[in-house]
All heavy atoms as atom14 arrays in JSON, in Angstrom:
{
  "sequence": "ADIAALSSLQRRLLERAVALTRPGGILVYCTCSLEPEEGVDVVA",
  "atom14_mask": [
    [1, 1, 1, 1, 1, 0, 0, 0, 0, 0, 0, 0, 0, 0],
    [1, 1, 1, 1, 1, 1, 1, 1, 0, 0, 0, 0, 0, 0],
    [1, 1, 1, 1, 1, 1, 1, 1, 0, 0, 0, 0, 0, 0],
    [1, 1, 1, 1, 1, 0, 0, 0, 0, 0, 0, 0, 0, 0],
    [1, 1, 1, 1, 1, 0, 0, 0, 0, 0, 0, 0, 0, 0],
    [1, 1, 1, 1, 1, 1, 1, 1, 0, 0, 0, 0, 0, 0],
    [1, 1, 1, 1, 1, 1, 0, 0, 0, 0, 0, 0, 0, 0],
    [1, 1, 1, 1, 1, 1, 0, 0, 0, 0, 0, 0, 0, 0],
    [1, 1, 1, 1, 1, 1, 1, 1, 0, 0, 0, 0, 0, 0],
    [1, 1, 1, 1, 1, 1, 1, 1, 1, 0, 0, 0, 0, 0],
    [1, 1, 1, 1, 1, 1, 1, 1, 1, 1, 1, 0, 0, 0],
    [1, 1, 1, 1, 1, 1, 1, 1, 1, 1, 1, 0, 0, 0],
    [1, 1, 1, 1, 1, 1, 1, 1, 0, 0, 0, 0, 0, 0],
    [1, 1, 1, 1, 1, 1, 1, 1, 0, 0, 0, 0, 0, 0],
    [1, 1, 1, 1, 1, 1, 1, 1, 1, 0, 0, 0, 0, 0],
    [1, 1, 1, 1, 1, 1, 1, 1, 1, 1, 1, 0, 0, 0],
    [1, 1, 1, 1, 1, 0, 0, 0, 0, 0, 0, 0, 0, 0],
    [1, 1, 1, 1, 1, 1, 1, 0, 0, 0, 0, 0, 0, 0],
    [1, 1, 1, 1, 1, 0, 0, 0, 0, 0, 0, 0, 0, 0],
    [1, 1, 1, 1, 1, 1, 1, 1, 0, 0, 0, 0, 0, 0],
    [1, 1, 1, 1, 1, 1, 1, 0, 0, 0, 0, 0, 0, 0],
    [1, 1, 1, 1, 1, 1, 1, 1, 1, 1, 1, 0, 0, 0],
    [1, 1, 1, 1, 1, 1, 1, 0, 0, 0, 0, 0, 0, 0],
    [1, 1, 1, 1, 0, 0, 0, 0, 0, 0, 0, 0, 0, 0],
    [1, 1, 1, 1, 0, 0, 0, 0, 0, 0, 0, 0, 0, 0],
    [1, 1, 1, 1, 1, 1, 1, 1, 0, 0, 0, 0, 0, 0],
    [1, 1, 1, 1, 1, 1, 1, 1, 0, 0, 0, 0, 0, 0],
    [1, 1, 1, 1, 1, 1, 1, 0, 0, 0, 0, 0, 0, 0],
    [1, 1, 1, 1, 1, 1, 1, 1, 1, 1, 1, 1, 0, 0],
    [1, 1, 1, 1, 1, 1, 0, 0, 0, 0, 0, 0, 0, 0],
    [1, 1, 1, 1, 1, 1, 1, 0, 0, 0, 0, 0, 0, 0],
    [1, 1, 1, 1, 1, 1, 0, 0, 0, 0, 0, 0, 0, 0],
    [1, 1, 1, 1, 1, 1, 0, 0, 0, 0, 0, 0, 0, 0],
    [1, 1, 1, 1, 1, 1, 1, 1, 0, 0, 0, 0, 0, 0],
    [1, 1, 1, 1, 1, 1, 1, 1, 1, 0, 0, 0, 0, 0],
    [1, 1, 1, 1, 1, 1, 1, 0, 0, 0, 0, 0, 0, 0],
    [1, 1, 1, 1, 1, 1, 1, 1, 1, 0, 0, 0, 0, 0],
    [1, 1, 1, 1, 1, 1, 1, 1, 1, 0, 0, 0, 0, 0],
    [1, 1, 1, 1, 0, 0, 0, 0, 0, 0, 0, 0, 0, 0],
    [1, 1, 1, 1, 1, 1, 1, 0, 0, 0, 0, 0, 0, 0],
    [1, 1, 1, 1, 1, 1, 1, 1, 0, 0, 0, 0, 0, 0],
    [1, 1, 1, 1, 1, 1, 1, 0, 0, 0, 0, 0, 0, 0],
    [1, 1, 1, 1, 1, 1, 1, 0, 0, 0, 0, 0, 0, 0],
    [1, 1, 1, 1, 1, 0, 0, 0, 0, 0, 0, 0, 0, 0]
  ],
  "atom14_positions": [
    [[-6.86, -9.33, -9.88], [-6.36, -9.02, -8.54], [-5.27, -7.95, -8.6], [-5.15, -7.12, -7.69], [-5.83, -10.28, -7.87], [0.0, 0.0, 0.0], [0.0, 0.0, 0.0], [0.0, 0.0, 0.0], [0.0, 0.0, 0.0], [0.0, 0.0, 0.0], [0.0, 0.0, 0.0], [0.0, 0.0, 0.0], [0.0, 0.0, 0.0], [0.0, 0.0, 0.0]],
    [[-4.47, -7.95, -9.65], [-3.43, -6.92, -9.8], [-4.06, -5.54, -9.89], [-3.54, -4.56, -9.33], [-2.6, -7.19, -11.07], [-1.79, -8.46, -10.98], [-1.3, -8.76, -9.87], [-1.65, -9.14, -12.01], [0.0, 0.0, 0.0], [0.0, 0.0, 0.0], [0.0, 0.0, 0.0], [0.0, 0.0, 0.0], [0.0, 0.0, 0.0], [0.0, 0.0, 0.0]],
    [[-5.16, -5.44, -10.6], [-5.82, -4.15, -10.79], [-6.3, -3.59, -9.45], [-6.13, -2.41, -9.14], [-6.97, -4.27, -11.8], [-6.41, -4.62, -13.18], [-7.8, -3.0, -11.86], [-7.45, -5.0, -14.2], [0.0, 0.0, 0.0], [0.0, 0.0, 0.0], [0.0, 0.0, 0.0], [0.0, 0.0, 0.0], [0.0, 0.0, 0.0], [0.0, 0.0, 0.0]],
    [[-6.89, -4.44, -8.62], [-7.37, -4.0, -7.32], [-6.22, -3.54, -6.43], [-6.32, -2.5, -5.75], [-8.14, -5.13, -6.64], [0.0, 0.0, 0.0], [0.0, 0.0, 0.0], [0.0, 0.0, 0.0], [0.0, 0.0, 0.0], [0.0, 0.0, 0.0], [0.0, 0.0, 0.0], [0.0, 0.0, 0.0], [0.0, 0.0, 0.0], [0.0, 0.0, 0.0]],
    [[-5.12, -4.28, -6.43], [-3.98, -3.91, -5.6], [-3.36, -2.6, -6.08], [-2.99, -1.73, -5.27], [-2.94, -5.03, -5.62], [0.0, 0.0, 0.0], [0.0, 0.0, 0.0], [0.0, 0.0, 0.0], [0.0, 0.0, 0.0], [0.0, 0.0, 0.0], [0.0, 0.0, 0.0], [0.0, 0.0, 0.0], [0.0, 0.0, 0.0], [0.0, 0.0, 0.0]],
    [[-3.25, -2.43, -7.37], [-2.65, -1.22, -7.92], [-3.54, -0.01, -7.67], [-3.05, 1.1, -7.44], [-2.4, -1.4, -9.41], [-1.21, -2.32, -9.75], [-1.28, -2.77, -11.2], [0.1, -1.61, -9.48], [0.0, 0.0, 0.0], [0.0, 0.0, 0.0], [0.0, 0.0, 0.0], [0.0, 0.0, 0.0], [0.0, 0.0, 0.0], [0.0, 0.0, 0.0]],
    [[-4.84, -0.21, -7.7], [-5.76, 0.9, -7.45], [-5.54, 1.48, -6.06], [-5.58, 2.71, -5.86], [-7.21, 0.42, -7.6], [-8.12, 1.45, -7.29], [0.0, 0.0, 0.0], [0.0, 0.0, 0.0], [0.0, 0.0, 0.0], [0.0, 0.0, 0.0], [0.0, 0.0, 0.0], [0.0, 0.0, 0.0], [0.0, 0.0, 0.0], [0.0, 0.0, 0.0]],
    [[-5.29, 0.64, -5.09], [-5.01, 1.12, -3.73], [-3.73, 1.94, -3.7], [-3.67, 3.0, -3.06], [-4.91, -0.08, -2.77], [-4.56, 0.34, -1.48], [0.0, 0.0, 0.0], [0.0, 0.0, 0.0], [0.0, 0.0, 0.0], [0.0, 0.0, 0.0], [0.0, 0.0, 0.0], [0.0, 0.0, 0.0], [0.0, 0.0, 0.0], [0.0, 0.0, 0.0]],
    [[-2.7, 1.46, -4.38], [-1.44, 2.2, -4.45], [-1.63, 3.54, -5.14], [-1.09, 4.57, -4.7], [-0.4, 1.36, -5.19], [0.91, 2.06, -5.54], [1.65, 2.49, -4.28], [1.79, 1.15, -6.4], [0.0, 0.0, 0.0], [0.0, 0.0, 0.0], [0.0, 0.0, 0.0], [0.0, 0.0, 0.0], [0.0, 0.0, 0.0], [0.0, 0.0, 0.0]],
    [[-2.4, 3.55, -6.22], [-2.62, 4.8, -6.96], [-3.29, 5.86, -6.09], [-2.96, 7.05, -6.18], [-3.45, 4.5, -8.21], [-2.7, 3.7, -9.26], [-3.58, 2.76, -10.05], [-4.81, 2.8, -9.95], [-2.97, 1.89, -10.83], [0.0, 0.0, 0.0], [0.0, 0.0, 0.0], [0.0, 0.0, 0.0], [0.0, 0.0, 0.0], [0.0, 0.0, 0.0]],
    [[-4.21, 5.45, -5.25], [-4.87, 6.41, -4.36], [-3.88, 7.03, -3.38], [-3.92, 8.23, -3.11], [-6.03, 5.73, -3.63], [-7.27, 5.53, -4.49], [-8.28, 4.59, -3.84], [-9.59, 4.69, -4.45], [-9.93, 4.16, -5.61], [-9.03, 3.47, -6.29], [-11.16, 4.3, -6.08], [0.0, 0.0, 0.0], [0.0, 0.0, 0.0], [0.0, 0.0, 0.0]],
    [[-2.99, 6.21, -2.85], [-1.98, 6.73, -1.92], [-1.03, 7.7, -2.63], [-0.68, 8.75, -2.09], [-1.19, 5.59, -1.29], [-2.02, 4.65, -0.43], [-1.14, 3.86, 0.53], [-0.06, 3.15, -0.14], [-0.17, 1.94, -0.66], [-1.35, 1.32, -0.64], [0.87, 1.36, -1.21], [0.0, 0.0, 0.0], [0.0, 0.0, 0.0], [0.0, 0.0, 0.0]],
    [[-0.63, 7.34, -3.82], [0.28, 8.2, -4.58], [-0.39, 9.53, -4.94], [0.25, 10.59, -4.89], [0.74, 7.48, -5.85], [1.75, 6.35, -5.65], [1.87, 5.52, -6.92], [3.11, 6.91, -5.25], [0.0, 0.0, 0.0], [0.0, 0.0, 0.0], [0.0, 0.0, 0.0], [0.0, 0.0, 0.0], [0.0, 0.0, 0.0], [0.0, 0.0, 0.0]],
    [[-1.67, 9.47, -5.29], [-2.36, 10.7, -5.67], [-2.51, 11.63, -4.46], [-2.38, 12.85, -4.59], [-3.72, 10.36, -6.28], [-4.53, 11.54, -6.83], [-3.7, 12.37, -7.81], [-5.81, 11.06, -7.5], [0.0, 0.0, 0.0], [0.0, 0.0, 0.0], [0.0, 0.0, 0.0], [0.0, 0.0, 0.0], [0.0, 0.0, 0.0], [0.0, 0.0, 0.0]],
    [[-2.77, 11.07, -3.29], [-2.83, 11.89, -2.09], [-1.5, 12.61, -1.85], [-1.46, 13.79, -1.48], [-3.19, 11.03, -0.88], [-4.64, 10.56, -0.86], [-4.94, 9.72, 0.36], [-4.01, 9.53, 1.18], [-6.09, 9.26, 0.49], [0.0, 0.0, 0.0], [0.0, 0.0, 0.0], [0.0, 0.0, 0.0], [0.0, 0.0, 0.0], [0.0, 0.0, 0.0]],
    [[-0.39, 11.9, -2.04], [0.93, 12.52, -1.85], [1.16, 13.59, -2.9], [1.73, 14.66, -2.62], [2.03, 11.43, -1.95], [3.43, 11.98, -1.75], [3.86, 11.87, -0.3], [3.14, 12.7, 0.63], [3.58, 13.88, 1.08], [4.72, 14.39, 0.65], [2.89, 14.55, 1.97], [0.0, 0.0, 0.0], [0.0, 0.0, 0.0], [0.0, 0.0, 0.0]],
    [[0.72, 13.33, -4.14], [0.89, 14.31, -5.21], [0.13, 15.59, -4.91], [0.61, 16.7, -5.19], [0.43, 13.72, -6.54], [0.0, 0.0, 0.0], [0.0, 0.0, 0.0], [0.0, 0.0, 0.0], [0.0, 0.0, 0.0], [0.0, 0.0, 0.0], [0.0, 0.0, 0.0], [0.0, 0.0, 0.0], [0.0, 0.0, 0.0], [0.0, 0.0, 0.0]],
    [[-1.06, 15.45, -4.33], [-1.83, 16.63, -3.94], [-1.06, 17.43, -2.9], [-0.97, 18.67, -2.97], [-3.22, 16.22, -3.4], [-3.92, 17.41, -2.76], [-4.07, 15.64, -4.52], [0.0, 0.0, 0.0], [0.0, 0.0, 0.0], [0.0, 0.0, 0.0], [0.0, 0.0, 0.0], [0.0, 0.0, 0.0], [0.0, 0.0, 0.0], [0.0, 0.0, 0.0]],
    [[-0.47, 16.74, -1.93], [0.29, 17.42, -0.88], [1.51, 18.14, -1.45], [1.97, 19.14, -0.89], [0.72, 16.42, 0.18], [0.0, 0.0, 0.0], [0.0, 0.0, 0.0], [0.0, 0.0, 0.0], [0.0, 0.0, 0.0], [0.0, 0.0, 0.0], [0.0, 0.0, 0.0], [0.0, 0.0, 0.0], [0.0, 0.0, 0.0], [0.0, 0.0, 0.0]],
    [[2.04, 17.63, -2.56], [3.23, 18.23, -3.17], [2.89, 19.36, -4.13], [3.8, 19.97, -4.71], [4.03, 17.15, -3.91], [4.72, 16.11, -3.03], [5.23, 14.95, -3.87], [5.89, 16.76, -2.27], [0.0, 0.0, 0.0], [0.0, 0.0, 0.0], [0.0, 0.0, 0.0], [0.0, 0.0, 0.0], [0.0, 0.0, 0.0], [0.0, 0.0, 0.0]],
    [[1.61, 19.64, -4.34], [1.18, 20.7, -5.25], [0.82, 21.95, -4.44], [0.03, 21.88, -3.5], [-0.04, 20.24, -6.06], [0.26, 19.0, -6.71], [-0.41, 21.28, -7.11], [0.0, 0.0, 0.0], [0.0, 0.0, 0.0], [0.0, 0.0, 0.0], [0.0, 0.0, 0.0], [0.0, 0.0, 0.0], [0.0, 0.0, 0.0], [0.0, 0.0, 0.0]],
    [[1.39, 23.08, -4.81], [1.08, 24.31, -4.08], [-0.34, 24.76, -4.39], [-0.9, 24.43, -5.45], [2.07, 25.43, -4.47], [1.93, 25.92, -5.9], [2.65, 27.23, -6.11], [2.57, 27.67, -7.5], [1.52, 28.28, -8.04], [0.42, 28.5, -7.32], [1.55, 28.65, -9.3], [0.0, 0.0, 0.0], [0.0, 0.0, 0.0], [0.0, 0.0, 0.0]],
    [[-0.97, 25.55, -3.51], [-2.29, 26.12, -3.83], [-2.22, 26.92, -5.13], [-1.32, 27.74, -5.31], [-2.57, 27.02, -2.62], [-1.79, 26.4, -1.51], [-0.53, 25.88, -2.15], [0.0, 0.0, 0.0], [0.0, 0.0, 0.0], [0.0, 0.0, 0.0], [0.0, 0.0, 0.0], [0.0, 0.0, 0.0], [0.0, 0.0, 0.0], [0.0, 0.0, 0.0]],
    [[-3.14, 26.66, -6.01], [-3.12, 27.29, -7.32], [-2.27, 26.56, -8.34], [-2.29, 26.9, -9.53], [0.0, 0.0, 0.0], [0.0, 0.0, 0.0], [0.0, 0.0, 0.0], [0.0, 0.0, 0.0], [0.0, 0.0, 0.0], [0.0, 0.0, 0.0], [0.0, 0.0, 0.0], [0.0, 0.0, 0.0], [0.0, 0.0, 0.0], [0.0, 0.0, 0.0]],
    [[-1.51, 25.58, -7.89], [-0.69, 24.8, -8.82], [-1.52, 23.77, -9.58], [-2.72, 23.61, -9.34], [0.0, 0.0, 0.0], [0.0, 0.0, 0.0], [0.0, 0.0, 0.0], [0.0, 0.0, 0.0], [0.0, 0.0, 0.0], [0.0, 0.0, 0.0], [0.0, 0.0, 0.0], [0.0, 0.0, 0.0], [0.0, 0.0, 0.0], [0.0, 0.0, 0.0]],
    [[-0.88, 23.09, -10.51], [-1.57, 22.13, -11.37], [-0.98, 20.74, -11.14], [0.23, 20.56, -11.06], [-1.44, 22.52, -12.85], [-2.14, 23.85, -13.1], [-2.04, 21.44, -13.75], [-2.04, 24.34, -14.53], [0.0, 0.0, 0.0], [0.0, 0.0, 0.0], [0.0, 0.0, 0.0], [0.0, 0.0, 0.0], [0.0, 0.0, 0.0], [0.0, 0.0, 0.0]],
    [[-1.88, 19.78, -11.05], [-1.52, 18.37, -10.89], [-2.16, 17.58, -12.01], [-3.36, 17.7, -12.26], [-2.01, 17.86, -9.53], [-2.11, 16.35, -9.32], [-0.73, 15.69, -9.43], [-2.74, 16.03, -7.97], [0.0, 0.0, 0.0], [0.0, 0.0, 0.0], [0.0, 0.0, 0.0], [0.0, 0.0, 0.0], [0.0, 0.0, 0.0], [0.0, 0.0, 0.0]],
    [[-1.36, 16.79, -12.71], [-1.88, 15.88, -13.73], [-1.64, 14.45, -13.25], [-0.49, 14.07, -12.98], [-1.22, 16.11, -15.1], [-1.6, 14.98, -16.07], [-1.64, 17.45, -15.67], [0.0, 0.0, 0.0], [0.0, 0.0, 0.0], [0.0, 0.0, 0.0], [0.0, 0.0, 0.0], [0.0, 0.0, 0.0], [0.0, 0.0, 0.0], [0.0, 0.0, 0.0]],
    [[-2.73, 13.7, -13.12], [-2.67, 12.28, -12.75], [-2.93, 11.47, -14.01], [-3.9, 11.73, -14.75], [-3.72, 11.96, -11.69], [-3.92, 10.47, -11.48], [-3.06, 9.76, -10.65], [-4.94, 9.77, -12.11], [-3.22, 8.4, -10.45], [-5.12, 8.41, -11.92], [-4.24, 7.73, -11.08], [-4.4, 6.37, -10.9], [0.0, 0.0, 0.0], [0.0, 0.0, 0.0]],
    [[-2.09, 10.47, -14.27], [-2.32, 9.65, -15.47], [-1.86, 8.22, -15.23], [-1.04, 7.93, -14.36], [-1.61, 10.25, -16.69], [0.2, 10.23, -16.61], [0.0, 0.0, 0.0], [0.0, 0.0, 0.0], [0.0, 0.0, 0.0], [0.0, 0.0, 0.0], [0.0, 0.0, 0.0], [0.0, 0.0, 0.0], [0.0, 0.0, 0.0], [0.0, 0.0, 0.0]],
    [[-2.45, 7.32, -16.0], [-2.02, 5.92, -16.04], [-2.16, 5.42, -17.48], [-3.0, 5.91, -18.25], [-2.86, 4.99, -15.13], [-4.21, 4.97, -15.6], [-2.83, 5.45, -13.69], [0.0, 0.0, 0.0], [0.0, 0.0, 0.0], [0.0, 0.0, 0.0], [0.0, 0.0, 0.0], [0.0, 0.0, 0.0], [0.0, 0.0, 0.0], [0.0, 0.0, 0.0]],
    [[-1.36, 4.41, -17.81], [-1.48, 3.78, -19.14], [-2.35, 2.53, -19.03], [-1.99, 1.47, -19.54], [-0.11, 3.47, -19.72], [0.93, 2.43, -18.67], [0.0, 0.0, 0.0], [0.0, 0.0, 0.0], [0.0, 0.0, 0.0], [0.0, 0.0, 0.0], [0.0, 0.0, 0.0], [0.0, 0.0, 0.0], [0.0, 0.0, 0.0], [0.0, 0.0, 0.0]],
    [[-3.48, 2.67, -18.37], [-4.41, 1.57, -18.15], [-5.74, 1.87, -18.82], [-6.16, 3.02, -18.9], [-4.63, 1.35, -16.65], [-5.7, 0.45, -16.42], [0.0, 0.0, 0.0], [0.0, 0.0, 0.0], [0.0, 0.0, 0.0], [0.0, 0.0, 0.0], [0.0, 0.0, 0.0], [0.0, 0.0, 0.0], [0.0, 0.0, 0.0], [0.0, 0.0, 0.0]],
    [[-6.41, 0.83, -19.27], [-7.76, 0.95, -19.82], [-8.83, 0.75, -18.75], [-10.02, 0.9, -19.04], [-7.97, -0.08, -20.93], [-7.07, 0.07, -22.17], [-7.29, -1.12, -23.11], [-7.36, 1.37, -22.89], [0.0, 0.0, 0.0], [0.0, 0.0, 0.0], [0.0, 0.0, 0.0], [0.0, 0.0, 0.0], [0.0, 0.0, 0.0], [0.0, 0.0, 0.0]],
    [[-8.41, 0.45, -17.52], [-9.36, 0.04, -16.5], [-9.85, 1.25, -15.69], [-9.03, 2.04, -15.19], [-8.72, -0.97, -15.56], [-7.91, -2.06, -16.28], [-8.61, -2.65, -17.48], [-9.81, -2.99, -17.36], [-7.97, -2.77, -18.53], [0.0, 0.0, 0.0], [0.0, 0.0, 0.0], [0.0, 0.0, 0.0], [0.0, 0.0, 0.0], [0.0, 0.0, 0.0]],
    [[-11.16, 1.43, -15.53], [-11.68, 2.6, -14.8], [-11.22, 2.64, -13.36], [-11.06, 3.72, -12.78], [-13.21, 2.43, -14.9], [-13.44, 1.0, -15.26], [-12.25, 0.59, -16.07], [0.0, 0.0, 0.0], [0.0, 0.0, 0.0], [0.0, 0.0, 0.0], [0.0, 0.0, 0.0], [0.0, 0.0, 0.0], [0.0, 0.0, 0.0], [0.0, 0.0, 0.0]],
    [[-10.97, 1.49, -12.72], [-10.51, 1.46, -11.33], [-9.15, 2.14, -11.16], [-8.79, 2.54, -10.06], [-10.4, 0.02, -10.81], [-11.72, -0.72, -10.76], [-11.95, -1.56, -12.0], [-11.55, -1.11, -13.12], [-12.51, -2.65, -11.86], [0.0, 0.0, 0.0], [0.0, 0.0, 0.0], [0.0, 0.0, 0.0], [0.0, 0.0, 0.0], [0.0, 0.0, 0.0]],
    [[-8.4, 2.25, -12.25], [-7.07, 2.85, -12.17], [-7.05, 4.28, -12.73], [-5.98, 4.9, -12.75], [-6.06, 1.99, -12.94], [-5.95, 0.57, -12.41], [-4.9, -0.23, -13.13], [-5.21, -0.83, -14.18], [-3.75, -0.23, -12.66], [0.0, 0.0, 0.0], [0.0, 0.0, 0.0], [0.0, 0.0, 0.0], [0.0, 0.0, 0.0], [0.0, 0.0, 0.0]],
    [[-8.19, 4.75, -13.17], [-8.25, 6.07, -13.77], [-9.35, 6.93, -13.2], [-9.21, 7.56, -12.15], [0.0, 0.0, 0.0], [0.0, 0.0, 0.0], [0.0, 0.0, 0.0], [0.0, 0.0, 0.0], [0.0, 0.0, 0.0], [0.0, 0.0, 0.0], [0.0, 0.0, 0.0], [0.0, 0.0, 0.0], [0.0, 0.0, 0.0], [0.0, 0.0, 0.0]],
    [[-10.5, 6.89, -13.86], [-11.6, 7.78, -13.48], [-12.07, 7.53, -12.06], [-12.42, 8.47, -11.33], [-12.75, 7.65, -14.5], [-13.32, 6.24, -14.52], [-13.83, 8.67, -14.23], [0.0, 0.0, 0.0], [0.0, 0.0, 0.0], [0.0, 0.0, 0.0], [0.0, 0.0, 0.0], [0.0, 0.0, 0.0], [0.0, 0.0, 0.0], [0.0, 0.0, 0.0]],
    [[-12.06, 6.28, -11.61], [-12.51, 5.99, -10.24], [-11.56, 6.56, -9.19], [-12.01, 7.03, -8.13], [-12.64, 4.48, -10.04], [-13.8, 3.87, -10.83], [-14.53, 4.63, -11.48], [-13.94, 2.63, -10.79], [0.0, 0.0, 0.0], [0.0, 0.0, 0.0], [0.0, 0.0, 0.0], [0.0, 0.0, 0.0], [0.0, 0.0, 0.0], [0.0, 0.0, 0.0]],
    [[-10.27, 6.53, -9.46], [-9.29, 7.08, -8.53], [-9.5, 8.59, -8.37], [-9.49, 9.13, -7.26], [-7.86, 6.77, -9.01], [-6.82, 7.48, -8.13], [-7.6, 5.27, -9.02], [0.0, 0.0, 0.0], [0.0, 0.0, 0.0], [0.0, 0.0, 0.0], [0.0, 0.0, 0.0], [0.0, 0.0, 0.0], [0.0, 0.0, 0.0], [0.0, 0.0, 0.0]],
    [[-9.7, 9.26, -9.49], [-9.89, 10.71, -9.46], [-11.23, 11.06, -8.8], [-11.33, 12.0, -8.0], [-9.79, 11.3, -10.87], [-10.2, 12.77, -10.9], [-8.36, 11.14, -11.4], [0.0, 0.0, 0.0], [0.0, 0.0, 0.0], [0.0, 0.0, 0.0], [0.0, 0.0, 0.0], [0.0, 0.0, 0.0], [0.0, 0.0, 0.0], [0.0, 0.0, 0.0]],
    [[-12.28, 10.33, -9.13], [-13.59, 10.6, -8.53], [-13.54, 10.43, -7.01], [-14.13, 11.23, -6.27], [-14.63, 9.66, -9.13], [0.0, 0.0, 0.0], [0.0, 0.0, 0.0], [0.0, 0.0, 0.0], [0.0, 0.0, 0.0], [0.0, 0.0, 0.0], [0.0, 0.0, 0.0], [0.0, 0.0, 0.0], [0.0, 0.0, 0.0], [0.0, 0.0, 0.0]]
  ]
}
């Protein structure tokens, strides 16, 4: 259940990070998780 709740938070944070990146700028999203719901699924 923690993983599902955190995944929702990660999506919100990533949206804000995109807004804080200028056009042409670089954004790196990372987590110290082994779970796809917190990594590749968020980016996809």
